[in-house]
Amino acid sequence: MRRVAALALALTVLSVVTVPMAPGAEAAGSRAVVVLDTSGSMRHGRDLDAARAAAEVYAGAVGDDVAVGLVSFAATTSTVAPTTDREALGTALDGVAAGGRTALYDGLLAGVRAAGPGGDVVLLSDGQDTASHAGLEDALAAVADGGVHVDVVAFRPGSGSADPLRRIALAGGGRLVTARDAGELGAAFRVAAASAHRPPVVTLPAAGGAAPLGLAVLVGALAAIGVGLLLWPRRSSAAEQLDAALRAYGFGATPAAAGPQEEGSSSAVARRVLGLSERFLSRGDRRERSALALDRAGLTLLPREWLVLRACVLLAGAAVGAVLVPGRVLGLLLGAAAAFAVPVLWLRQRQSARCGAFADQLPDTLQIVASGLRSGFSLPQALASAQDGGLQPMAAELGRALSAARFGLELEDELEQVAMRMRSDDWRMAVMAVRIQRSVGGNLAEILLTTAATLRERAGVVRQVKALSAEGRLSAWVLMGLPVLVGAFLLMFRRDYLEPLWTTPVGVGLLLLSALMMAAGTTWMLKVARVEV
């Protein structure tokens, strides 16, 4: 297990971090090319100055490690090879002048060639072409065959010229952003920089540099999880001998509610981490509540191990949120909130599934116990026969109760503990019938058979109610999932449309308000669709 964890950790880190490249070397996909329309249509006002400034904004936004080139086109095209020297790029932009006709498709072909496979191209044009030797279909084929990512900034496009630009963006798997005036060019190029597609390779900076905070946190989180797997404490031989002795009495594995165990061969780091977790759980009744929850879910983890695991998941979720969500603080909060909720929801689902399985097996178990009592078995013998032929979790719970009774504890008290762990009022009533029968006498087999018949009839009513309310529950899930799915779709394909929700105060307020309304609506719909029997 430890070798597998070590290999997984090594592969994860290698997939995220690469060795620093020599100065001037460029990896595939680390090139971007700005294709600017410098024809006579750019002479108006300060259009060309705004285009130069927008190109510099794009070069700064894609990152200093990305080589950025320049293609300017009027009647002819001019190409500046991609370079990481931003001063050279600025000098090339300063030397651009507007005038002449428009060779849009020739300029796009030159940009595709300069970017190369896996590169990025951002095209600024109004959609008109009056001087190209190539046609639109030639340009679309070059984009599709060249393996480049193309974003298009439509600068005051005419009524019939927006369609070619849209087709170019579609062929390049990019976005079409419209700028109605020169003041919108900078924002449009920022959107194109955010949309730029590059392989998920992070180059460590040279000595003295600093890695991006989000990626550093992500690597740290993955390392923490890997260390947690590598250093996870193993039980000592004494604990294993105790488990073997308990299994001889039918206990099975040591329950999660057991006290602290020896770490044996675990490292000092693992012991210290688990010690801190144990100290946190020692306050109040945290250990008891956590042990009961893990026991109810059928997990063999100790409370302190579960706490450490949740801490690792929380760290990883916060790191992933910081990397994926724009805005580090917002990403950290969202990632941490999701990572905090997911283990809790997963544990509750495990508990609900196990308790539901116990309730489904209860009528058959009572029938087997009643049949054993009628055959002349004592109550412990009848319960043992039900355990031998039962399914999980019923067999495990009966085995625990009978094993405790062999150690001298009261059987009725242990059966009551089973009802408490499995949240079963029906089993509690059966235990109450056992107590009454032992106190005043009576036919326990008949009582258990009547209880089993009642439970079967009620289960049939529950299934009928679920079938009749299925449409309402399905509608509730659809209404709850629709905003989330639509939001995820827009975030992937129209990110600029959603960006005001987290970049403006009004948007943040609306986002919080919508989250509160979704929570209230979800609660109301689930209560309406739930029918108690």
Protein backbone atom coordinates (compact mmCIF):
# COMPACT_ATOMS: atom_id res chain seq x y z
CA MET A 1 0.00 0.00 0.00
CA ARG A 2 2.80 2.38 0.87
CA ARG A 3 4.61 1.68 -2.41
CA VAL A 4 1.43 2.41 -4.33
CA ALA A 5 0.95 5.66 -2.41
CA ALA A 6 4.55 6.70 -3.03
CA LEU A 7 4.24 5.98 -6.75
CA ALA A 8 0.96 7.92 -6.96
CA LEU A 9 2.50 10.89 -5.16
CA ALA A 10 5.56 10.89 -7.43
CA LEU A 11 3.45 10.73 -10.59
CA THR A 12 1.23 13.55 -9.31
CA VAL A 13 4.15 15.85 -8.60
CA LEU A 14 5.85 15.03 -11.90
CA SER A 15 2.63 15.77 -13.78
CA VAL A 16 2.47 19.23 -12.19
CA VAL A 17 6.13 20.31 -12.03
CA THR A 18 8.82 20.12 -14.68
CA VAL A 19 12.52 20.82 -14.55
CA PRO A 20 13.48 24.43 -15.30
CA MET A 21 14.37 24.97 -18.93
CA ALA A 22 17.46 26.64 -20.15
CA PRO A 23 17.19 30.36 -20.90
CA GLY A 24 15.64 30.94 -24.26
CA ALA A 25 14.21 27.42 -24.56
CA GLU A 26 10.51 27.16 -25.28
CA ALA A 27 8.15 24.26 -24.64
CA ALA A 28 5.47 23.26 -27.10
CA GLY A 29 2.31 25.25 -26.53
CA SER A 30 4.19 28.14 -24.81
CA ARG A 31 3.86 30.47 -27.81
CA ALA A 32 1.19 33.06 -28.43
CA VAL A 33 0.81 35.37 -31.44
CA VAL A 34 -1.13 38.64 -31.63
CA VAL A 35 -2.53 39.23 -35.13
CA LEU A 36 -3.41 42.94 -35.55
CA ASP A 37 -5.37 44.62 -38.31
CA THR A 38 -3.27 47.66 -39.33
CA SER A 39 -5.20 48.58 -42.45
CA GLY A 40 -6.67 51.99 -43.17
CA SER A 41 -9.69 51.28 -40.94
CA MET A 42 -7.41 51.62 -37.89
CA ARG A 43 -6.50 55.25 -38.65
CA HIS A 44 -9.60 56.61 -36.93
CA GLY A 45 -8.86 58.45 -33.72
CA ARG A 46 -6.75 56.49 -31.25
CA ASP A 47 -7.73 53.02 -32.50
CA LEU A 48 -4.18 51.90 -33.29
CA ASP A 49 -2.82 53.21 -29.98
CA ALA A 50 -5.54 51.29 -28.14
CA ALA A 51 -4.71 48.16 -30.15
CA ARG A 52 -1.02 48.47 -29.23
CA ALA A 53 -1.89 48.89 -25.54
CA ALA A 54 -4.28 45.93 -25.68
CA ALA A 55 -1.57 43.74 -27.23
CA GLU A 56 0.79 44.66 -24.38
CA VAL A 57 -1.98 43.84 -21.88
CA TYR A 58 -2.37 40.42 -23.52
CA ALA A 59 1.38 39.78 -23.40
CA GLY A 60 1.45 40.57 -19.69
CA ALA A 61 -1.64 38.50 -18.90
CA VAL A 62 -0.48 35.25 -20.55
CA GLY A 63 2.63 35.16 -18.35
CA ASP A 64 6.28 36.06 -18.66
CA ASP A 65 7.23 32.48 -19.55
CA VAL A 66 5.13 32.56 -22.74
CA ALA A 67 6.83 33.71 -25.94
CA VAL A 68 4.59 36.26 -27.66
CA GLY A 69 4.87 37.14 -31.35
CA LEU A 70 3.25 39.80 -33.54
CA VAL A 71 1.68 39.64 -36.98
CA SER A 72 0.40 42.88 -38.49
CA PHE A 73 -1.54 42.86 -41.71
CA ALA A 74 -2.72 45.53 -44.14
CA ALA A 75 -2.24 44.92 -47.85
CA THR A 76 0.72 42.69 -46.85
CA THR A 77 1.70 40.91 -43.67
CA SER A 78 4.64 41.49 -41.34
CA THR A 79 5.73 38.92 -38.72
CA VAL A 80 7.77 39.25 -35.53
CA ALA A 81 8.80 35.83 -34.20
CA PRO A 82 7.53 34.87 -30.73
CA THR A 83 9.88 35.97 -27.95
CA THR A 84 9.85 36.29 -24.18
CA ASP A 85 11.58 39.69 -24.47
CA ARG A 86 8.70 42.06 -23.77
CA GLU A 87 10.81 45.12 -24.63
CA ALA A 88 11.42 43.76 -28.13
CA LEU A 89 7.71 43.12 -28.51
CA GLY A 90 6.94 46.67 -27.38
CA THR A 91 9.42 48.06 -29.91
CA ALA A 92 7.74 46.03 -32.66
CA LEU A 93 4.33 47.35 -31.63
CA ASP A 94 5.59 50.93 -31.64
CA GLY A 95 6.77 50.46 -35.22
CA VAL A 96 3.35 49.43 -36.50
CA ALA A 97 1.54 51.99 -38.69
CA ALA A 98 -1.97 51.96 -40.15
CA GLY A 99 -2.74 52.25 -43.83
CA GLY A 100 -3.68 50.34 -46.95
CA ARG A 101 -6.11 47.55 -47.73
CA THR A 102 -6.93 44.50 -45.57
CA ALA A 103 -5.41 41.01 -46.00
CA LEU A 104 -7.22 39.37 -43.07
CA TYR A 105 -6.90 35.73 -44.13
CA ASP A 106 -3.25 36.07 -45.13
CA GLY A 107 -2.52 37.60 -41.70
CA LEU A 108 -4.33 34.77 -39.94
CA LEU A 109 -2.34 32.17 -41.90
CA ALA A 110 0.90 33.92 -40.89
CA GLY A 111 -0.21 33.92 -37.25
CA VAL A 112 -1.01 30.19 -37.32
CA ARG A 113 2.41 29.43 -38.77
CA ALA A 114 4.16 31.60 -36.16
CA ALA A 115 2.25 30.06 -33.23
CA GLY A 116 2.84 26.48 -34.27
CA PRO A 117 1.00 23.39 -32.99
CA GLY A 118 -0.47 23.92 -29.53
CA GLY A 119 0.07 27.68 -29.65
CA ASP A 120 -2.41 30.52 -29.10
CA VAL A 121 -3.54 33.19 -31.56
CA VAL A 122 -5.57 36.28 -30.76
CA LEU A 123 -6.92 38.05 -33.84
CA LEU A 124 -8.05 41.70 -33.91
CA SER A 125 -10.13 42.55 -36.97
CA ASP A 126 -13.38 44.12 -38.13
CA GLY A 127 -14.04 41.10 -40.37
CA GLN A 128 -13.37 42.78 -43.71
CA ASP A 129 -10.92 41.30 -46.25
CA THR A 130 -9.99 43.14 -49.44
CA ALA A 131 -6.46 41.98 -50.34
CA SER A 132 -5.83 38.37 -49.25
CA HIS A 133 -4.52 35.75 -51.65
CA ALA A 134 -6.09 33.04 -49.46
CA GLY A 135 -9.82 32.63 -48.83
CA LEU A 136 -11.90 32.02 -45.73
CA GLU A 137 -11.99 28.27 -46.26
CA ASP A 138 -8.20 28.19 -46.58
CA ALA A 139 -7.87 30.06 -43.29
CA LEU A 140 -10.37 27.78 -41.51
CA ALA A 141 -8.55 24.67 -42.76
CA ALA A 142 -5.20 26.05 -41.60
CA VAL A 143 -6.59 26.77 -38.15
CA ALA A 144 -8.15 23.32 -37.83
CA ASP A 145 -5.08 21.49 -39.17
CA GLY A 146 -2.54 23.62 -37.31
CA GLY A 147 -3.74 22.65 -33.83
CA VAL A 148 -3.83 26.24 -32.61
CA HIS A 149 -6.23 27.94 -30.23
CA VAL A 150 -7.71 31.08 -31.80
CA ASP A 151 -9.58 33.86 -29.98
CA VAL A 152 -11.09 36.64 -32.07
CA VAL A 153 -11.65 40.24 -31.00
CA ALA A 154 -14.24 41.74 -33.35
CA PHE A 155 -13.52 45.49 -33.40
CA ARG A 156 -16.60 47.38 -34.61
CA PRO A 157 -17.59 44.60 -37.07
CA GLY A 158 -19.95 45.38 -39.92
CA SER A 159 -23.35 43.79 -40.35
CA GLY A 160 -22.07 41.02 -42.64
CA SER A 161 -18.50 40.68 -41.39
CA ALA A 162 -19.15 39.13 -37.97
CA ASP A 163 -19.95 35.70 -39.41
CA PRO A 164 -16.41 34.98 -40.79
CA LEU A 165 -14.93 35.99 -37.44
CA ARG A 166 -17.34 33.70 -35.61
CA ARG A 167 -16.40 30.79 -37.86
CA ILE A 168 -12.71 31.43 -37.26
CA ALA A 169 -13.20 31.41 -33.48
CA LEU A 170 -15.26 28.22 -33.73
CA ALA A 171 -12.60 26.48 -35.84
CA GLY A 172 -9.92 27.47 -33.32
CA GLY A 173 -11.93 26.40 -30.26
CA GLY A 174 -11.80 29.92 -28.86
CA ARG A 175 -14.08 32.83 -28.13
CA LEU A 176 -15.47 35.72 -30.15
CA VAL A 177 -15.34 38.92 -28.10
CA THR A 178 -16.85 42.10 -29.50
CA ALA A 179 -15.31 45.51 -28.79
CA ARG A 180 -17.58 48.38 -29.78
CA ASP A 181 -14.95 51.10 -29.27
CA ALA A 182 -11.26 51.53 -28.53
CA GLY A 183 -11.85 51.68 -24.77
CA GLU A 184 -13.08 48.07 -24.74
CA LEU A 185 -10.05 46.58 -26.46
CA GLY A 186 -8.05 46.12 -23.25
CA ALA A 187 -10.85 44.17 -21.55
CA ALA A 188 -11.39 42.09 -24.69
CA PHE A 189 -7.71 41.10 -24.83
CA ARG A 190 -7.78 40.19 -21.12
CA VAL A 191 -10.64 37.81 -21.86
CA ALA A 192 -8.60 36.30 -24.70
CA ALA A 193 -5.61 35.87 -22.37
CA ALA A 194 -7.79 34.07 -19.80
CA SER A 195 -9.09 31.81 -22.56
CA ALA A 196 -5.64 30.97 -23.88
CA HIS A 197 -5.07 27.23 -23.94
CA ARG A 198 -1.76 25.83 -22.83
CA PRO A 199 -0.77 22.36 -21.62
CA PRO A 200 -0.97 21.91 -17.81
CA VAL A 201 2.79 22.21 -17.34
CA VAL A 202 4.29 24.45 -14.68
CA THR A 203 7.91 25.45 -15.09
CA LEU A 204 9.79 26.01 -11.87
CA PRO A 205 11.42 29.46 -11.94
CA ALA A 206 15.14 29.99 -11.88
CA ALA A 207 16.92 30.49 -8.59
CA GLY A 208 15.53 33.46 -6.76
CA GLY A 209 12.12 33.26 -8.41
CA ALA A 210 8.85 32.49 -6.69
CA ALA A 211 6.34 29.90 -7.89
CA PRO A 212 2.70 30.96 -8.17
CA LEU A 213 1.02 30.78 -4.79
CA GLY A 214 -1.90 28.67 -5.94
CA LEU A 215 0.27 26.03 -7.56
CA ALA A 216 2.60 25.95 -4.58
CA VAL A 217 -0.35 25.38 -2.26
CA LEU A 218 -1.67 22.67 -4.58
CA VAL A 219 1.63 20.82 -4.60
CA GLY A 220 1.82 21.18 -0.82
CA ALA A 221 -1.67 19.74 -0.42
CA LEU A 222 -0.90 16.78 -2.65
CA ALA A 223 2.32 16.20 -0.74
CA ALA A 224 0.40 16.32 2.56
CA ILE A 225 -2.04 13.70 1.35
CA GLY A 226 0.78 11.53 0.04
CA VAL A 227 2.65 11.81 3.35
CA GLY A 228 -0.55 10.92 5.17
CA LEU A 229 -0.87 7.76 3.12
CA LEU A 230 2.79 6.85 3.47
CA LEU A 231 2.92 7.40 7.22
CA TRP A 232 -0.50 6.04 8.11
CA PRO A 233 -0.11 4.18 11.44
CA ARG A 234 -0.32 0.41 11.42
CA ARG A 235 -1.59 -1.59 14.36
CA SER A 236 0.95 -3.22 16.62
CA SER A 237 1.22 -6.95 17.14
CA ALA A 238 -0.48 -6.57 20.54
CA ALA A 239 -3.50 -4.94 18.92
CA GLU A 240 -3.59 -7.67 16.28
CA GLN A 241 -3.51 -10.34 18.98
CA LEU A 242 -6.41 -8.61 20.75
CA ASP A 243 -8.40 -8.59 17.50
CA ALA A 244 -7.73 -12.29 17.05
CA ALA A 245 -8.99 -13.00 20.57
CA LEU A 246 -12.14 -10.96 20.00
CA ARG A 247 -12.78 -12.69 16.67
CA ALA A 248 -12.72 -15.99 18.54
CA TYR A 249 -15.72 -14.73 20.49
CA GLY A 250 -17.47 -13.51 17.34
CA PHE A 251 -16.62 -9.83 17.55
CA GLY A 252 -14.94 -9.51 14.14
CA ALA A 253 -12.78 -6.39 13.84
CA THR A 254 -12.17 -4.05 16.73
CA PRO A 255 -14.97 -1.44 16.72
CA ALA A 256 -14.21 2.14 15.80
CA ALA A 257 -15.24 3.25 19.29
CA ALA A 258 -12.25 1.48 20.82
CA GLY A 259 -9.67 3.54 22.60
CA PRO A 260 -6.29 4.68 21.23
CA GLN A 261 -4.05 1.97 19.84
CA GLU A 262 -0.30 1.67 19.68
CA GLU A 263 1.29 3.04 16.57
CA GLY A 264 3.88 0.31 16.37
CA SER A 265 6.07 1.02 13.37
CA SER A 266 4.50 4.33 12.44
CA SER A 267 6.82 7.32 12.22
CA ALA A 268 7.26 10.12 14.72
CA VAL A 269 5.49 12.52 12.36
CA ALA A 270 2.42 10.31 12.22
CA ARG A 271 2.40 9.90 15.99
CA ARG A 272 2.63 13.63 16.51
CA VAL A 273 -0.18 14.38 14.04
CA LEU A 274 -2.42 11.75 15.55
CA GLY A 275 -1.55 13.02 19.02
CA LEU A 276 -2.74 16.51 18.09
CA SER A 277 -5.92 15.00 16.67
CA GLU A 278 -6.44 13.02 19.91
CA ARG A 279 -5.97 16.18 21.97
CA PHE A 280 -8.58 18.01 19.91
CA LEU A 281 -11.07 15.17 20.29
CA SER A 282 -10.55 14.95 24.05
CA ARG A 283 -12.61 18.11 24.60
CA GLY A 284 -16.22 17.47 25.47
CA ASP A 285 -17.90 14.51 23.84
CA ARG A 286 -16.30 14.89 20.41
CA ARG A 287 -14.60 11.50 20.51
CA GLU A 288 -17.79 9.69 21.51
CA ARG A 289 -19.90 11.37 18.85
CA SER A 290 -17.30 10.77 16.14
CA ALA A 291 -16.86 7.13 17.18
CA LEU A 292 -20.62 6.58 17.10
CA ALA A 293 -20.89 8.13 13.62
CA LEU A 294 -18.05 5.98 12.26
CA ASP A 295 -19.47 2.88 13.93
CA ARG A 296 -22.92 3.55 12.50
CA ALA A 297 -21.41 3.92 9.02
CA GLY A 298 -19.59 0.61 9.36
CA LEU A 299 -16.09 2.14 9.15
CA THR A 300 -13.11 0.77 11.06
CA LEU A 301 -11.33 4.12 11.28
CA LEU A 302 -10.61 5.59 14.69
CA PRO A 303 -11.97 9.10 15.40
CA ARG A 304 -8.49 10.63 15.36
CA GLU A 305 -7.69 8.96 12.01
CA TRP A 306 -10.95 10.30 10.56
CA LEU A 307 -10.08 13.81 11.79
CA VAL A 308 -6.62 13.69 10.14
CA LEU A 309 -8.15 12.42 6.91
CA ARG A 310 -10.67 15.28 6.91
CA ALA A 311 -7.87 17.78 7.51
CA CYS A 312 -5.96 16.45 4.47
CA VAL A 313 -9.10 16.65 2.31
CA LEU A 314 -9.74 20.21 3.54
CA LEU A 315 -6.22 21.30 2.62
CA ALA A 316 -6.46 19.71 -0.83
CA GLY A 317 -9.89 21.25 -1.49
CA ALA A 318 -8.70 24.74 -0.52
CA ALA A 319 -5.66 24.40 -2.80
CA VAL A 320 -7.70 23.19 -5.76
CA GLY A 321 -10.20 26.01 -5.24
CA ALA A 322 -7.40 28.59 -5.17
CA VAL A 323 -6.08 27.29 -8.49
CA LEU A 324 -9.36 26.81 -10.35
CA VAL A 325 -11.49 29.73 -9.11
CA PRO A 326 -10.58 33.31 -10.09
CA GLY A 327 -9.51 35.23 -7.00
CA ARG A 328 -7.36 33.38 -4.50
CA VAL A 329 -9.38 34.29 -1.40
CA LEU A 330 -12.69 33.33 -3.00
CA GLY A 331 -11.18 30.12 -4.38
CA LEU A 332 -9.73 29.18 -1.00
CA LEU A 333 -13.08 29.76 0.72
CA LEU A 334 -15.12 27.85 -1.86
CA GLY A 335 -12.64 24.96 -2.03
CA ALA A 336 -12.41 24.72 1.75
CA ALA A 337 -16.21 24.82 2.12
CA ALA A 338 -16.67 22.05 -0.45
CA ALA A 339 -13.90 19.92 1.07
CA PHE A 340 -15.40 20.39 4.54
CA ALA A 341 -18.89 19.37 3.41
CA VAL A 342 -18.06 16.41 1.16
CA PRO A 343 -16.70 14.04 3.87
CA VAL A 344 -19.62 14.89 6.16
CA LEU A 345 -22.17 14.23 3.43
CA TRP A 346 -20.39 11.02 2.43
CA LEU A 347 -20.39 9.77 6.03
CA ARG A 348 -24.08 10.60 6.43
CA GLN A 349 -24.89 8.78 3.21
CA ARG A 350 -23.02 5.70 4.49
CA GLN A 351 -24.93 5.88 7.75
CA SER A 352 -28.27 6.27 6.00
CA ALA A 353 -27.57 3.37 3.63
CA ARG A 354 -26.49 1.06 6.45
CA CYS A 355 -29.43 1.96 8.70
CA GLY A 356 -31.80 1.51 5.75
CA ALA A 357 -30.37 -1.93 5.01
CA PHE A 358 -30.80 -2.87 8.68
CA ALA A 359 -34.46 -1.77 8.61
CA ASP A 360 -35.10 -3.76 5.41
CA GLN A 361 -33.62 -6.93 6.97
CA LEU A 362 -35.49 -6.54 10.27
CA PRO A 363 -38.78 -8.33 9.36
CA ASP A 364 -36.97 -11.44 8.07
CA THR A 365 -34.72 -11.46 11.13
CA LEU A 366 -37.68 -11.30 13.52
CA GLN A 367 -39.32 -14.14 11.57
CA ILE A 368 -36.18 -16.30 11.95
CA VAL A 369 -35.93 -15.53 15.67
CA ALA A 370 -39.62 -16.35 16.20
CA SER A 371 -39.24 -19.63 14.32
CA GLY A 372 -36.26 -20.55 16.47
CA LEU A 373 -38.19 -19.78 19.65
CA ARG A 374 -41.05 -21.97 18.45
CA SER A 375 -38.57 -24.79 17.81
CA GLY A 376 -37.48 -24.68 21.45
CA PHE A 377 -34.36 -22.50 21.13
CA SER A 378 -33.49 -20.01 23.79
CA LEU A 379 -33.38 -16.34 22.79
CA PRO A 380 -29.56 -16.26 22.40
CA GLN A 381 -29.67 -19.42 20.29
CA ALA A 382 -32.44 -18.00 18.10
CA LEU A 383 -30.47 -14.78 17.62
CA ALA A 384 -27.36 -16.81 16.76
CA SER A 385 -29.30 -18.72 14.08
CA ALA A 386 -30.50 -15.40 12.64
CA GLN A 387 -26.91 -14.14 12.66
CA ASP A 388 -25.58 -17.24 10.86
CA GLY A 389 -28.05 -16.91 7.99
CA GLY A 390 -28.32 -13.11 7.96
CA LEU A 391 -26.89 -10.41 5.73
CA GLN A 392 -24.85 -7.37 6.61
CA PRO A 393 -25.28 -5.21 8.62
CA MET A 394 -27.78 -7.31 10.60
CA ALA A 395 -25.35 -10.21 11.09
CA ALA A 396 -22.58 -7.92 12.34
CA GLU A 397 -24.84 -6.12 14.82
CA LEU A 398 -26.29 -9.35 16.21
CA GLY A 399 -22.77 -10.79 16.46
CA ARG A 400 -21.60 -7.82 18.51
CA ALA A 401 -24.57 -8.11 20.90
CA LEU A 402 -24.13 -11.86 21.37
CA SER A 403 -20.34 -11.51 21.84
CA ALA A 404 -20.88 -8.90 24.55
CA ALA A 405 -23.43 -11.20 26.23
CA ARG A 406 -20.79 -13.98 26.31
CA PHE A 407 -18.57 -11.62 28.29
CA GLY A 408 -21.31 -11.32 30.95
CA LEU A 409 -23.19 -8.20 29.84
CA GLU A 410 -26.99 -8.11 29.73
CA LEU A 411 -28.29 -9.25 26.34
CA GLU A 412 -31.23 -6.84 26.42
CA ASP A 413 -28.93 -3.89 27.07
CA GLU A 414 -26.72 -4.85 24.12
CA LEU A 415 -29.76 -5.24 21.87
CA GLU A 416 -30.82 -1.79 23.00
CA GLN A 417 -27.40 -0.50 21.94
CA VAL A 418 -27.99 -2.01 18.50
CA ALA A 419 -31.25 -0.04 18.25
CA MET A 420 -29.44 3.14 19.25
CA ARG A 421 -26.59 2.63 16.73
CA MET A 422 -28.92 1.79 13.86
CA ARG A 423 -31.57 4.40 14.75
CA SER A 424 -34.27 1.72 14.66
CA ASP A 425 -37.43 2.34 16.69
CA ASP A 426 -38.80 -0.97 15.37
CA TRP A 427 -35.90 -2.92 16.84
CA ARG A 428 -36.27 -0.97 20.08
CA MET A 429 -39.91 -2.09 20.30
CA ALA A 430 -38.84 -5.70 19.73
CA VAL A 431 -36.30 -5.37 22.57
CA MET A 432 -39.03 -3.91 24.76
CA ALA A 433 -41.16 -6.98 24.00
CA VAL A 434 -38.26 -9.19 25.09
CA ARG A 435 -37.93 -7.27 28.38
CA ILE A 436 -41.67 -7.51 29.07
CA GLN A 437 -41.73 -11.23 28.26
CA ARG A 438 -38.84 -11.87 30.66
CA SER A 439 -40.58 -9.87 33.40
CA VAL A 440 -44.20 -11.05 33.20
CA GLY A 441 -44.10 -13.95 30.72
CA GLY A 442 -46.00 -14.43 27.48
CA ASN A 443 -45.58 -15.87 24.02
CA LEU A 444 -42.56 -13.98 22.63
CA ALA A 445 -42.65 -15.86 19.33
CA GLU A 446 -46.20 -14.65 18.59
CA ILE A 447 -45.28 -11.08 19.48
CA LEU A 448 -42.26 -11.14 17.13
CA LEU A 449 -44.31 -12.68 14.31
CA THR A 450 -46.98 -10.00 14.68
CA THR A 451 -44.29 -7.31 14.69
CA ALA A 452 -42.70 -8.77 11.56
CA ALA A 453 -46.05 -8.84 9.74
CA THR A 454 -46.72 -5.22 10.73
CA LEU A 455 -43.29 -4.14 9.49
CA ARG A 456 -43.83 -5.86 6.14
CA GLU A 457 -47.20 -4.17 5.66
CA ARG A 458 -45.73 -0.79 6.52
CA ALA A 459 -42.81 -1.37 4.14
CA GLY A 460 -45.33 -2.04 1.36
CA VAL A 461 -47.11 1.23 2.13
CA VAL A 462 -43.77 3.07 2.11
CA ARG A 463 -42.88 1.65 -1.31
CA GLN A 464 -46.29 2.64 -2.66
CA VAL A 465 -45.90 6.19 -1.33
CA LYS A 466 -42.43 6.44 -2.89
CA ALA A 467 -43.80 5.34 -6.24
CA LEU A 468 -46.61 7.89 -6.10
CA SER A 469 -44.27 10.73 -5.04
CA ALA A 470 -41.47 9.85 -7.49
CA GLU A 471 -42.50 12.55 -9.96
CA GLY A 472 -42.40 15.25 -7.31
CA ARG A 473 -39.00 14.16 -6.03
CA LEU A 474 -37.61 13.99 -9.56
CA SER A 475 -38.91 17.49 -10.28
CA ALA A 476 -37.25 18.74 -7.10
CA TRP A 477 -33.88 17.27 -8.12
CA VAL A 478 -34.16 18.70 -11.62
CA LEU A 479 -34.98 22.17 -10.30
CA MET A 480 -32.09 21.97 -7.85
CA GLY A 481 -29.57 20.75 -10.41
CA LEU A 482 -30.57 22.98 -13.33
CA PRO A 483 -29.01 26.26 -12.01
CA VAL A 484 -25.80 24.44 -11.08
CA LEU A 485 -25.46 22.72 -14.46
CA VAL A 486 -26.28 25.87 -16.43
CA GLY A 487 -23.79 27.84 -14.33
CA ALA A 488 -21.08 25.23 -14.93
CA PHE A 489 -21.79 25.25 -18.68
CA LEU A 490 -21.54 29.05 -18.86
CA LEU A 491 -18.39 29.00 -16.74
CA MET A 492 -16.75 26.66 -19.25
CA PHE A 493 -17.90 28.26 -22.50
CA ARG A 494 -18.93 31.86 -21.64
CA ARG A 495 -16.74 32.75 -18.70
CA ASP A 496 -16.73 36.44 -19.61
CA TYR A 497 -20.52 36.46 -19.30
CA LEU A 498 -20.34 35.28 -15.67
CA GLU A 499 -17.24 37.19 -14.56
CA PRO A 500 -19.21 40.21 -13.19
CA LEU A 501 -20.71 37.88 -10.56
CA TRP A 502 -17.38 37.67 -8.71
CA THR A 503 -15.55 40.76 -10.00
CA THR A 504 -18.09 43.41 -8.97
CA PRO A 505 -19.67 44.12 -5.55
CA VAL A 506 -23.18 43.92 -7.01
CA GLY A 507 -22.38 40.57 -8.60
CA VAL A 508 -21.01 39.15 -5.35
CA GLY A 509 -24.15 40.30 -3.54
CA LEU A 510 -26.39 38.71 -6.16
CA LEU A 511 -24.35 35.51 -5.99
CA LEU A 512 -24.78 35.30 -2.21
CA LEU A 513 -28.49 36.12 -2.49
CA SER A 514 -28.99 33.43 -5.12
CA ALA A 515 -27.15 30.90 -2.93
CA LEU A 516 -29.44 31.70 0.03
CA MET A 517 -32.53 31.47 -2.16
CA MET A 518 -31.35 28.15 -3.61
CA ALA A 519 -30.80 26.77 -0.10
CA ALA A 520 -34.26 27.90 1.02
CA GLY A 521 -35.93 26.56 -2.13
CA THR A 522 -34.09 23.25 -1.87
CA THR A 523 -35.17 22.78 1.74
CA TRP A 524 -38.78 23.62 0.92
CA MET A 525 -38.94 21.34 -2.14
CA LEU A 526 -37.41 18.40 -0.29
CA LYS A 527 -39.87 18.77 2.60
CA VAL A 528 -42.81 18.99 0.20
CA ALA A 529 -41.68 15.91 -1.73
CA ARG A 530 -41.02 13.86 1.43
CA VAL A 531 -44.03 11.91 2.75
CA GLU A 532 -43.77 10.43 6.22
CA VAL A 533 -45.38 7.03 6.78
